[in-house]
């Protein structure tokens, strides 16, 4: 005989075997075997007699009890609560900024995964005007309430793209706007595309990002300029070396060494006694003349690049670069964020400021070169411009032999 029945939900259940009677005739007329097979939603603990070894083929999680008369098993039943946690994971978030003269165009691309459907709200900067919302490439209706933008989220993976425009344009110290995902995220990046008519001076933000490496070279050149200013060989003082090196930092190290070495070579040449050998003196004069032509070419290239070219600020790091006509691209990266994206900053001025600085430097160089040219010419011609080859001394003919004596002479 078998049947199926239901039990009312309860936190405890007790199984009891019939008790033994008085005497052999009053003993129970059957034995019981209890097999408890709970569902996966329930957590069950047992107290009382221990279960027996399960029979072959039965799962180990299904306990089997074989009670003696009067024995009991108390079963405590609980339903475990769900583990707390978020139902949405952001795998990647990228903020793309293109600051202009009067406004800034921004685009936020978020790749997320959700375990259930619903809605999610993003916080945009104050004053932002939402222009488009795309989910998996499909356009969505705009739902903006002040700085909050709400988008529908379906279970599974999705790519959400928000585009908006801010009323603030590019300023001397431009900082990324405040954008909050309102959920923890990984692989967050901020990309800035600055126009080509900006001179980038300093940048800041997360550690994994760009750096303006030219300033480290400027510090080294300042130290070298102070050291060379103490040299007695040249009339250049520390301020002259520093001003000269500030433009030479745009050139390769070898080109800067050519210009600096020219002054040191003339100063060393003047402090040494003149060479006695004529051909060595003439060879040194040719070498100094060619060296001067190369140094003047380097200085002319500095002026040309400064007045017509783009400054080489040596921007590098995390894929960032500075181009000529393509502008400057700056990229910062953060492996984890709590919700708000990083807000890097950049200090830049119009390219016209660089042109004016280089124009002032060029005028100073033109005036300084006139003074330095006099000193260089005096060093070059101090012991003569050229030495003629010394004429050979005529060789005296050997003395004539005495005539033989006449015959018969005593």
Protein backbone atom coordinates (compact mmCIF):
# COMPACT_ATOMS: atom_id res chain seq x y z
CA UNK A 1 0.00 0.00 0.00
CA UNK A 2 1.34 3.46 -0.89
CA UNK A 3 -0.01 6.99 -0.94
CA UNK A 4 0.96 10.59 -1.58
CA UNK A 5 0.21 13.39 0.86
CA UNK A 6 1.41 16.89 1.76
CA UNK A 7 2.65 18.36 5.01
CA UNK A 8 2.10 21.90 6.15
CA UNK A 9 5.35 23.99 6.09
CA UNK A 10 6.98 23.87 9.49
CA UNK A 11 10.42 24.47 10.99
CA UNK A 12 10.56 21.02 12.65
CA UNK A 13 9.29 17.52 11.96
CA UNK A 14 9.46 14.50 14.29
CA UNK A 15 9.42 10.87 13.20
CA UNK A 16 8.66 8.29 15.92
CA UNK A 17 8.54 4.48 15.81
CA UNK A 18 5.68 2.71 17.64
CA UNK A 19 6.61 1.75 21.19
CA UNK A 20 7.09 -1.87 22.30
CA UNK A 21 4.19 -3.53 24.20
CA UNK A 22 4.13 -5.53 27.52
CA UNK A 23 4.98 -9.10 26.62
CA UNK A 24 5.61 -10.82 23.37
CA UNK A 25 1.96 -10.79 22.21
CA UNK A 26 1.74 -7.01 22.58
CA UNK A 27 4.82 -6.17 20.47
CA UNK A 28 4.44 -4.05 17.37
CA UNK A 29 3.51 -6.05 14.33
CA UNK A 30 5.76 -4.11 11.86
CA UNK A 31 9.13 -2.36 11.48
CA UNK A 32 9.75 1.01 9.79
CA UNK A 33 12.43 2.43 7.49
CA UNK A 34 12.61 6.22 7.13
CA UNK A 35 14.17 7.75 4.00
CA UNK A 36 14.32 11.55 3.91
CA UNK A 37 14.96 13.16 0.50
CA UNK A 38 14.72 16.98 0.85
CA UNK A 39 14.54 19.32 -2.13
CA UNK A 40 17.44 21.62 -3.07
CA UNK A 41 15.73 24.69 -1.55
CA UNK A 42 15.78 23.26 1.99
CA UNK A 43 18.54 22.85 4.55
CA UNK A 44 17.85 19.87 6.87
CA UNK A 45 19.60 18.85 10.10
CA UNK A 46 18.87 15.70 12.11
CA UNK A 47 19.01 14.86 15.82
CA UNK A 48 18.25 11.55 17.50
CA UNK A 49 19.34 8.18 16.18
CA UNK A 50 22.02 8.28 13.50
CA UNK A 51 21.25 7.20 9.95
CA UNK A 52 22.40 3.81 8.72
CA UNK A 53 24.68 3.26 5.77
CA UNK A 54 22.66 4.08 2.61
CA UNK A 55 21.84 1.17 0.34
CA UNK A 56 23.64 0.62 -2.92
CA UNK A 57 22.51 3.03 -5.64
CA UNK A 58 21.10 5.58 -3.22
CA UNK A 59 22.60 9.04 -3.08
CA UNK A 60 24.76 9.81 -0.09
CA UNK A 61 22.70 12.92 0.69
CA UNK A 62 19.57 10.84 1.26
CA UNK A 63 19.80 9.53 4.86
CA UNK A 64 18.13 6.25 5.80
CA UNK A 65 16.95 5.48 9.37
CA UNK A 66 15.94 2.07 10.75
CA UNK A 67 14.51 2.83 14.21
CA UNK A 68 13.85 0.39 17.01
CA UNK A 69 10.50 0.61 18.76
CA UNK A 70 10.10 3.91 20.55
CA UNK A 71 13.03 5.70 18.86
CA UNK A 72 12.61 9.16 17.34
CA UNK A 73 14.32 11.48 14.84
CA UNK A 74 13.87 15.27 15.05
CA UNK A 75 14.28 17.09 11.72
CA UNK A 76 14.99 20.85 11.67
CA UNK A 77 14.05 22.46 8.34
CA UNK A 78 15.21 25.88 7.17
CA UNK A 79 15.31 27.65 3.84
CA UNK A 80 18.67 29.43 3.27
CA UNK A 81 18.39 33.10 2.41
CA UNK A 82 19.97 34.40 -0.80
CA UNK A 83 23.49 35.79 -0.57
CA UNK A 84 23.56 39.58 -0.81
CA UNK A 85 25.30 41.15 -3.80
CA UNK A 86 24.80 43.17 -6.93
CA UNK A 87 22.91 41.82 -9.91
CA UNK A 88 24.87 43.90 -12.44
CA UNK A 89 28.55 43.79 -13.39
CA UNK A 90 30.29 46.43 -15.49
CA UNK A 91 33.12 44.81 -17.45
CA UNK A 92 34.32 47.96 -19.20
CA UNK A 93 33.58 51.68 -19.12
CA UNK A 94 35.16 54.25 -21.44
CA UNK A 95 34.58 58.01 -21.36
CA UNK A 96 35.58 59.80 -24.56
CA UNK A 97 35.92 63.60 -24.40
CA UNK A 98 36.46 66.06 -27.24
CA UNK A 99 36.67 69.57 -25.77
CA UNK A 100 36.09 72.42 -28.18
CA UNK A 101 36.18 76.17 -28.07
CA UNK A 102 32.69 76.66 -26.58
CA UNK A 103 31.44 73.18 -25.65
CA UNK A 104 32.59 69.63 -24.98
CA UNK A 105 31.30 66.53 -26.75
CA UNK A 106 31.27 63.42 -24.54
CA UNK A 107 30.51 59.76 -25.14
CA UNK A 108 30.22 57.05 -22.50
CA UNK A 109 30.40 53.40 -23.56
CA UNK A 110 29.58 50.80 -20.91
CA UNK A 111 29.72 47.02 -21.38
CA UNK A 112 27.71 45.32 -18.65
CA UNK A 113 26.19 41.99 -17.66
CA UNK A 114 22.97 41.65 -15.66
CA UNK A 115 21.36 38.64 -14.03
CA UNK A 116 17.85 40.10 -14.21
CA UNK A 117 16.00 42.72 -16.20
CA UNK A 118 15.15 46.16 -14.97
CA UNK A 119 16.39 49.71 -15.25
CA UNK A 120 19.64 51.41 -14.38
CA UNK A 121 20.38 55.10 -13.91
CA UNK A 122 23.58 56.94 -14.81
CA UNK A 123 24.55 60.33 -13.38
CA UNK A 124 25.83 62.84 -15.94
CA UNK A 125 27.53 66.16 -15.16
CA UNK A 126 25.30 69.10 -14.26
CA UNK A 127 24.17 71.02 -17.32
CA UNK A 128 24.77 68.14 -19.73
CA UNK A 129 22.35 67.80 -22.64
CA UNK A 130 21.68 64.20 -23.65
CA UNK A 131 21.81 63.70 -27.41
CA UNK A 132 21.60 59.93 -27.97
CA UNK A 133 21.21 56.59 -26.19
CA UNK A 134 22.11 53.32 -27.92
CA UNK A 135 21.79 49.81 -26.49
CA UNK A 136 23.53 47.11 -28.51
CA UNK A 137 23.59 49.51 -31.46
CA UNK A 138 19.85 50.26 -31.39
CA UNK A 139 18.65 53.81 -30.68
CA UNK A 140 16.55 54.27 -27.55
CA UNK A 141 14.23 57.06 -26.43
CA UNK A 142 15.86 59.76 -24.34
CA UNK A 143 14.94 59.63 -20.65
CA UNK A 144 16.79 62.42 -18.85
CA UNK A 145 15.71 63.80 -15.51
CA UNK A 146 18.15 66.57 -14.65
CA UNK A 147 21.54 64.90 -14.42
CA UNK A 148 20.06 61.36 -14.26
CA UNK A 149 19.65 59.19 -17.34
CA UNK A 150 17.68 55.95 -17.00
CA UNK A 151 18.13 53.10 -19.47
CA UNK A 152 16.45 49.66 -19.66
CA UNK A 153 18.66 46.66 -18.90
CA UNK A 154 17.87 43.16 -20.17
CA UNK A 155 19.30 39.96 -18.67
CA UNK A 156 22.62 39.03 -20.22
CA UNK A 157 25.37 41.11 -21.79
CA UNK A 158 24.63 44.59 -23.15
CA UNK A 159 26.54 47.58 -24.51
CA UNK A 160 25.12 50.96 -23.50
CA UNK A 161 26.29 54.12 -25.26
CA UNK A 162 25.38 57.61 -24.04
CA UNK A 163 26.24 60.78 -25.95
CA UNK A 164 25.84 64.27 -24.56
CA UNK A 165 27.23 67.80 -24.85
CA UNK A 166 28.40 70.11 -22.08
CA UNK A 167 28.26 73.91 -22.23
CA UNK A 168 31.84 74.32 -20.97
CA UNK A 169 34.63 74.27 -23.51
CA UNK A 170 38.38 73.92 -23.29
CA UNK A 171 39.99 76.04 -20.56
CA UNK A 172 43.66 76.48 -19.54
CA UNK A 173 43.10 73.82 -16.87
CA UNK A 174 40.57 71.40 -18.23
CA UNK A 175 39.27 68.60 -16.00
CA UNK A 176 37.16 65.64 -17.00
CA UNK A 177 33.49 66.01 -15.98
CA UNK A 178 31.97 64.10 -13.08
CA UNK A 179 30.29 60.95 -14.40
CA UNK A 180 28.90 58.34 -11.99
CA UNK A 181 27.98 54.83 -13.12
CA UNK A 182 26.27 54.21 -9.77
CA UNK A 183 27.68 50.70 -9.70
CA UNK A 184 31.16 49.31 -9.13
CA UNK A 185 33.08 48.76 -12.36
CA UNK A 186 36.38 47.47 -13.67
CA UNK A 187 38.54 48.51 -16.63
CA UNK A 188 37.55 52.19 -16.56
CA UNK A 189 39.32 54.55 -18.95
CA UNK A 190 39.10 58.24 -19.84
CA UNK A 191 40.26 59.47 -23.26
CA UNK A 192 40.77 63.11 -24.18
CA UNK A 193 41.27 64.32 -27.74
CA UNK A 194 42.65 67.84 -27.66
CA UNK A 195 42.73 69.97 -30.82
CA UNK A 196 45.99 70.50 -32.67
CA UNK A 197 46.18 74.21 -31.76
CA UNK A 198 46.87 73.52 -28.06
CA UNK A 199 50.23 73.40 -26.30
CA UNK A 200 50.04 70.75 -23.56
CA UNK A 201 52.16 71.66 -20.52
CA UNK A 202 51.10 69.36 -17.67
CA UNK A 203 48.75 66.40 -17.17
CA UNK A 204 47.47 64.53 -14.11
CA UNK A 205 45.16 61.69 -13.23
CA UNK A 206 45.39 57.97 -12.43
CA UNK A 207 48.88 56.52 -12.26
CA UNK A 208 48.43 54.51 -15.45
CA UNK A 209 48.26 57.41 -17.88
CA UNK A 210 50.31 59.90 -19.90
CA UNK A 211 53.25 61.99 -18.75
CA UNK A 212 54.97 65.07 -20.19
CA UNK A 213 58.56 63.83 -20.25
CA UNK A 214 60.10 67.04 -21.56
CA UNK A 215 60.22 68.59 -18.09
CA UNK A 216 62.65 65.98 -16.82
CA UNK A 217 64.95 66.91 -19.70
CA UNK A 218 64.55 70.59 -18.84
CA UNK A 219 65.65 69.92 -15.26
CA UNK A 220 68.74 68.11 -16.50
CA UNK A 221 69.57 70.97 -18.88
CA UNK A 222 69.17 73.49 -16.07
CA UNK A 223 71.72 71.63 -13.98
CA UNK A 224 74.06 71.36 -16.96
CA UNK A 225 73.59 75.09 -17.68
CA UNK A 226 74.56 76.04 -14.12
CA UNK A 227 77.64 73.82 -14.37
CA UNK A 228 78.74 75.21 -17.75
CA UNK A 229 78.18 78.76 -16.55
CA UNK A 230 81.11 78.33 -14.16
CA UNK A 231 83.49 77.41 -16.96
CA UNK A 232 86.17 80.11 -17.62
CA UNK A 233 86.61 79.02 -21.24
CA UNK A 234 83.53 80.76 -22.67
CA UNK A 235 81.89 84.17 -22.17
CA UNK A 236 78.49 82.49 -21.67
CA UNK A 237 77.10 82.67 -18.17
CA UNK A 238 74.57 80.35 -16.58
CA UNK A 239 71.57 82.36 -17.82
CA UNK A 240 72.91 82.18 -21.38
CA UNK A 241 73.34 78.40 -21.25
CA UNK A 242 69.85 77.97 -19.75
CA UNK A 243 68.14 80.12 -22.40
CA UNK A 244 70.08 78.36 -25.13
CA UNK A 245 69.19 74.90 -23.83
CA UNK A 246 65.44 75.61 -23.47
CA UNK A 247 65.06 75.58 -27.25
CA UNK A 248 67.66 72.89 -27.84
CA UNK A 249 65.54 70.50 -25.75
CA UNK A 250 63.36 70.15 -28.84
CA UNK A 251 66.35 68.81 -30.76
CA UNK A 252 68.06 65.42 -30.38
CA UNK A 253 70.76 65.15 -27.75
CA UNK A 254 73.48 64.88 -30.39
CA UNK A 255 72.38 68.16 -32.01
CA UNK A 256 72.36 69.97 -28.65
CA UNK A 257 75.84 68.59 -27.92
CA UNK A 258 77.11 70.02 -31.22
CA UNK A 259 76.08 73.56 -30.26
CA UNK A 260 77.35 73.35 -26.70
CA UNK A 261 80.57 71.64 -27.76
CA UNK A 262 81.36 74.42 -30.27
CA UNK A 263 81.73 77.05 -27.54
CA UNK A 264 83.76 74.71 -25.36
CA UNK A 265 86.01 73.78 -28.28
CA UNK A 266 86.81 77.44 -29.11
CA UNK A 267 87.41 78.22 -25.44
CA UNK A 268 89.71 75.25 -25.02
CA UNK A 269 91.53 76.15 -28.23
CA UNK A 270 92.14 79.71 -27.02
CA UNK A 271 93.50 78.56 -23.66
CA UNK A 272 96.04 76.25 -25.27
CA UNK A 273 99.37 77.34 -26.79
CA UNK A 274 99.40 77.50 -30.60
CA UNK A 275 100.34 74.41 -32.50
CA UNK A 276 103.83 74.36 -33.95
CA UNK A 277 102.96 72.04 -36.84
CA UNK A 278 101.45 73.91 -39.77
CA UNK A 279 99.38 71.10 -41.24
CA UNK A 280 97.85 70.23 -37.84
CA UNK A 281 96.92 73.87 -37.28
CA UNK A 282 95.27 74.11 -40.70
CA UNK A 283 93.39 70.84 -40.10
CA UNK A 284 92.02 72.16 -36.79
CA UNK A 285 90.92 75.37 -38.51
CA UNK A 286 88.98 73.35 -41.10
CA UNK A 287 87.39 71.23 -38.38
CA UNK A 288 86.28 74.29 -36.39
CA UNK A 289 84.87 75.94 -39.52
CA UNK A 290 82.82 72.86 -40.41
CA UNK A 291 81.72 72.52 -36.79
CA UNK A 292 80.49 76.13 -36.82
CA UNK A 293 78.45 75.53 -39.97
CA UNK A 294 76.77 72.49 -38.40
CA UNK A 295 76.00 74.38 -35.17
CA UNK A 296 74.47 77.31 -37.08
CA UNK A 297 72.33 74.81 -39.03
CA UNK A 298 71.06 73.31 -35.77
CA UNK A 299 70.15 76.73 -34.40
CA UNK A 300 68.40 77.64 -37.64
CA UNK A 301 66.39 74.41 -37.44
CA UNK A 302 65.41 75.27 -33.86
CA UNK A 303 64.10 78.64 -35.00
CA UNK A 304 62.24 77.09 -37.94
CA UNK A 305 60.59 74.42 -35.81
CA UNK A 306 59.73 76.90 -33.10
CA UNK A 307 58.10 79.45 -35.40
CA UNK A 308 56.41 77.08 -37.86
CA UNK A 309 56.35 73.62 -36.27
CA UNK A 310 54.73 71.98 -33.26
CA UNK A 311 56.34 71.68 -29.81
CA UNK A 312 57.76 68.28 -28.98
CA UNK A 313 56.69 67.73 -25.36
CA UNK A 314 57.53 63.99 -25.36
CA UNK A 315 54.05 62.92 -24.26
CA UNK A 316 53.90 59.16 -23.73
CA UNK A 317 52.28 56.54 -21.54
CA UNK A 318 49.31 54.14 -21.87
CA UNK A 319 48.99 54.69 -25.61
CA UNK A 320 48.93 58.50 -25.37
CA UNK A 321 50.65 60.56 -28.05
CA UNK A 322 50.94 64.09 -29.40
CA UNK A 323 50.71 64.57 -33.14
CA UNK A 324 51.32 67.52 -35.43
CA UNK A 325 48.02 68.13 -37.20
CA UNK A 326 46.10 65.25 -35.60
CA UNK A 327 46.01 66.81 -32.14
CA UNK A 328 46.90 65.24 -28.82
CA UNK A 329 45.37 62.04 -27.43
CA UNK A 330 45.57 61.42 -23.69
CA UNK A 331 44.38 58.12 -22.17
CA UNK A 332 44.07 57.24 -18.48
CA UNK A 333 43.12 53.84 -17.06
CA UNK A 334 41.87 52.59 -13.68
CA UNK A 335 41.42 48.88 -12.99
CA UNK A 336 38.61 49.39 -10.44
CA UNK A 337 36.21 52.22 -9.59
CA UNK A 338 33.45 52.38 -7.03
CA UNK A 339 31.09 54.15 -9.40
CA UNK A 340 32.49 57.57 -10.24
CA UNK A 341 34.89 57.57 -13.17
CA UNK A 342 38.36 59.16 -12.76
CA UNK A 343 38.61 62.89 -13.40
CA UNK A 344 42.03 63.55 -14.95
CA UNK A 345 43.12 67.09 -15.83
CA UNK A 346 45.35 68.76 -18.39
CA UNK A 347 46.98 72.21 -18.44
CA UNK A 348 47.32 73.65 -21.94
CA UNK A 349 47.54 77.01 -23.67
CA UNK A 350 46.94 78.06 -27.27
CA UNK A 351 49.72 77.21 -29.70
CA UNK A 352 50.11 80.95 -30.34
CA UNK A 353 51.73 81.24 -26.90
CA UNK A 354 54.42 78.78 -28.01
CA UNK A 355 54.94 80.78 -31.19
CA UNK A 356 55.38 84.01 -29.21
CA UNK A 357 57.82 82.37 -26.80
CA UNK A 358 59.89 81.03 -29.67
CA UNK A 359 59.77 84.43 -31.41
CA UNK A 360 61.13 86.10 -28.29
CA UNK A 361 63.81 83.41 -28.00
CA UNK A 362 64.75 83.87 -31.65
CA UNK A 363 65.18 87.63 -31.21
CA UNK A 364 67.32 87.07 -28.13
CA UNK A 365 69.40 84.50 -30.00
CA UNK A 366 69.94 86.88 -32.93
CA UNK A 367 71.27 89.57 -30.58
CA UNK A 368 73.37 87.10 -28.60
CA UNK A 369 74.87 85.50 -31.71
CA UNK A 370 76.26 88.88 -32.78
CA UNK A 371 78.21 89.12 -29.52
CA UNK A 372 79.25 85.47 -29.59
CA UNK A 373 80.35 85.73 -33.23
CA UNK A 374 82.95 88.34 -32.29
CA UNK A 375 84.37 86.09 -29.60
CA UNK A 376 84.35 83.07 -31.92
CA UNK A 377 86.16 85.04 -34.64
CA UNK A 378 88.78 86.26 -32.19
CA UNK A 379 89.37 82.68 -31.05
CA UNK A 380 89.47 81.46 -34.63
CA UNK A 381 91.95 84.08 -35.87
CA UNK A 382 94.05 84.64 -32.76
CA UNK A 383 97.01 82.61 -34.06
CA UNK A 384 96.34 83.27 -37.72
CA UNK A 385 93.69 82.05 -40.11
CA UNK A 386 95.97 79.82 -42.12
CA UNK A 387 99.59 78.84 -42.06
CA UNK A 388 101.56 78.69 -45.27
CA UNK A 389 103.84 75.82 -45.92
CA UNK A 390 107.39 76.70 -44.92
CA UNK A 391 109.75 76.97 -47.99
CA UNK A 392 112.51 74.46 -48.21
CA UNK A 393 116.05 75.70 -47.67
CA UNK A 394 118.29 75.46 -50.82
CA UNK A 395 120.90 72.75 -50.60
CA UNK A 396 124.52 74.07 -51.05
CA UNK A 397 126.44 72.37 -53.88
CA UNK A 398 129.38 70.22 -52.82
CA UNK A 399 132.82 71.96 -53.02
CA UNK A 400 134.73 71.54 -56.32
CA UNK A 401 137.64 69.12 -56.36
CA UNK A 402 141.17 70.65 -56.49
CA UNK A 403 142.87 70.43 -59.94
CA UNK A 404 145.68 67.86 -60.19
CA UNK A 405 149.21 69.29 -59.93
CA UNK A 406 151.11 69.78 -63.22
CA UNK A 407 153.59 67.12 -64.13
CA UNK A 408 157.05 67.60 -62.77
CA UNK A 409 155.86 69.76 -59.93
CA UNK A 410 157.60 69.10 -56.64
